[in-house]
Amino acid sequence: TEVPVPKRLYRRGLGMKRAVTLKENWEFRRLYQHGKSTVAPAMVVYCRRSKTGGSRLGITVSTKLGKAVVRNRIKRRLREVYRLSLPHLKPGYDVVLVGRSRALDLPFSRLLETFQKSCKKLSIWEEQP
């Protein structure tokens, strides 16, 4: 089933808007320390209620997983998983996805399923958008 994608999330060909991404180190650290998390073979998902009211995404991939090309591919796959799942996510949460080695080889449908299960464990998934 194809999920409609909100258009406000992206600028023309430039990726996600800065307002919907976590960039600063202190934002990631705060989420790691005070947020809830679940672990799966392909990713670790951290979430916390957002102070800004909107939902934001942060993605991190360790240099242990490979050179920049490999890490960027994992980031692109995780970003797309988030984008397709956004209509089902409860609004007002900061989410950090930590890519693991299985995120590279796992079929995309399984990656999407893994993210969905993790979000359900964290109680941020809504069946009806």
Protein backbone atom coordinates (compact mmCIF):
# COMPACT_ATOMS: atom_id res chain seq x y z
CA THR A 1 0.00 0.00 0.00
CA GLU A 2 1.44 3.35 -1.04
CA VAL A 3 1.43 5.99 1.70
CA PRO A 4 0.83 9.63 0.71
CA VAL A 5 3.87 11.79 1.37
CA PRO A 6 3.52 15.23 2.94
CA LYS A 7 5.07 17.78 0.59
CA ARG A 8 6.07 20.27 3.29
CA LEU A 9 8.92 17.99 4.37
CA TYR A 10 11.11 18.48 1.32
CA ARG A 11 12.45 21.40 -0.67
CA ARG A 12 12.83 20.91 -4.41
CA GLY A 13 15.65 18.45 -4.84
CA LEU A 14 17.48 19.61 -1.73
CA GLY A 15 16.47 16.97 0.79
CA MET A 16 14.75 17.53 4.11
CA LYS A 17 14.23 21.02 5.51
CA ARG A 18 16.53 22.02 8.34
CA ALA A 19 13.54 22.56 10.62
CA VAL A 20 12.67 18.84 10.51
CA THR A 21 16.16 17.47 11.13
CA LEU A 22 18.29 17.17 14.25
CA LYS A 23 21.74 18.58 13.57
CA GLU A 24 23.38 19.66 16.80
CA ASN A 25 25.39 17.31 19.01
CA TRP A 26 23.56 18.42 22.17
CA GLU A 27 20.21 17.52 20.59
CA PHE A 28 21.41 13.96 19.93
CA ARG A 29 22.92 13.64 23.42
CA ARG A 30 19.72 14.86 25.09
CA LEU A 31 17.71 12.28 23.15
CA TYR A 32 20.12 9.46 24.00
CA GLN A 33 20.04 10.34 27.71
CA HIS A 34 16.35 11.13 28.20
CA GLY A 35 14.57 9.34 25.36
CA LYS A 36 13.13 5.86 24.99
CA SER A 37 14.79 3.36 22.67
CA THR A 38 14.37 0.01 20.94
CA VAL A 39 17.04 -2.13 19.31
CA ALA A 40 16.70 -4.15 16.11
CA PRO A 41 19.36 -5.83 13.96
CA ALA A 42 19.15 -3.10 11.32
CA MET A 43 18.70 0.00 13.49
CA VAL A 44 18.32 1.50 16.92
CA VAL A 45 15.41 3.91 17.31
CA TYR A 46 15.41 6.63 19.96
CA CYS A 47 12.45 8.93 20.50
CA ARG A 48 11.46 11.73 22.84
CA ARG A 49 8.67 14.27 23.01
CA SER A 50 9.76 17.33 21.03
CA LYS A 51 10.07 20.74 22.69
CA THR A 52 9.35 22.45 19.36
CA GLY A 53 6.01 20.73 18.80
CA GLY A 54 6.98 19.38 15.37
CA SER A 55 8.53 16.04 14.53
CA ARG A 56 12.24 15.98 13.72
CA LEU A 57 14.60 13.28 12.49
CA GLY A 58 18.26 12.62 13.18
CA ILE A 59 20.27 9.87 11.53
CA THR A 60 23.65 8.62 12.60
CA VAL A 61 25.84 5.84 11.20
CA SER A 62 29.17 4.79 12.71
CA THR A 63 32.37 5.01 10.68
CA LYS A 64 32.90 1.34 11.61
CA LEU A 65 30.27 0.39 9.03
CA GLY A 66 32.34 1.55 6.09
CA LYS A 67 33.51 4.50 4.08
CA ALA A 68 31.33 7.50 3.22
CA VAL A 69 29.59 5.85 0.25
CA VAL A 70 28.36 2.96 2.40
CA ARG A 71 27.34 5.21 5.32
CA ASN A 72 25.48 7.59 3.01
CA ARG A 73 23.58 4.71 1.43
CA ILE A 74 22.44 3.54 4.87
CA LYS A 75 21.39 7.10 5.73
CA ARG A 76 19.40 7.43 2.51
CA ARG A 77 17.58 4.16 3.19
CA LEU A 78 16.76 5.16 6.78
CA ARG A 79 15.61 8.63 5.69
CA GLU A 80 13.26 7.05 3.15
CA VAL A 81 11.89 4.64 5.76
CA TYR A 82 11.09 7.62 7.99
CA ARG A 83 9.57 9.61 5.11
CA LEU A 84 7.22 6.77 4.12
CA SER A 85 6.23 6.16 7.74
CA LEU A 86 5.70 9.81 8.71
CA PRO A 87 1.90 9.84 8.15
CA HIS A 88 1.61 7.01 10.72
CA LEU A 89 3.88 8.58 13.35
CA LYS A 90 2.40 10.58 16.19
CA PRO A 91 3.26 14.25 15.73
CA GLY A 92 5.56 16.08 18.12
CA TYR A 93 8.38 13.56 18.55
CA ASP A 94 12.09 13.80 17.91
CA VAL A 95 13.37 10.52 16.42
CA VAL A 96 16.98 9.41 16.01
CA LEU A 97 17.79 6.40 13.85
CA VAL A 98 21.16 4.75 14.39
CA GLY A 99 22.08 2.65 11.37
CA ARG A 100 23.58 -0.79 11.93
CA SER A 101 25.28 -3.13 9.48
CA ARG A 102 22.12 -5.08 8.61
CA ALA A 103 20.47 -1.87 7.31
CA LEU A 104 22.62 -2.13 4.21
CA ASP A 105 21.70 -5.68 3.16
CA LEU A 106 18.14 -6.01 4.44
CA PRO A 107 15.44 -5.78 1.75
CA PHE A 108 13.70 -2.40 1.92
CA SER A 109 10.32 -3.91 2.82
CA ARG A 110 11.88 -5.65 5.84
CA LEU A 111 13.60 -2.41 6.85
CA LEU A 112 10.25 -0.63 6.74
CA GLU A 113 8.65 -3.42 8.77
CA THR A 114 11.45 -3.26 11.35
CA PHE A 115 10.97 0.49 11.77
CA GLN A 116 7.22 0.01 12.16
CA LYS A 117 7.67 -2.62 14.88
CA SER A 118 10.15 -0.40 16.71
CA CYS A 119 7.75 2.55 16.60
CA LYS A 120 4.93 0.39 17.94
CA LYS A 121 7.14 -0.65 20.86
CA LEU A 122 7.82 3.03 21.55
CA SER A 123 4.08 3.86 21.27
CA ILE A 124 4.57 6.47 18.55
CA TRP A 125 2.86 4.53 15.73
CA GLU A 126 -0.77 5.23 14.79
CA GLU A 127 -2.51 2.69 12.56
CA GLN A 128 -4.83 5.25 10.95
CA PRO A 129 -3.01 8.42 9.82
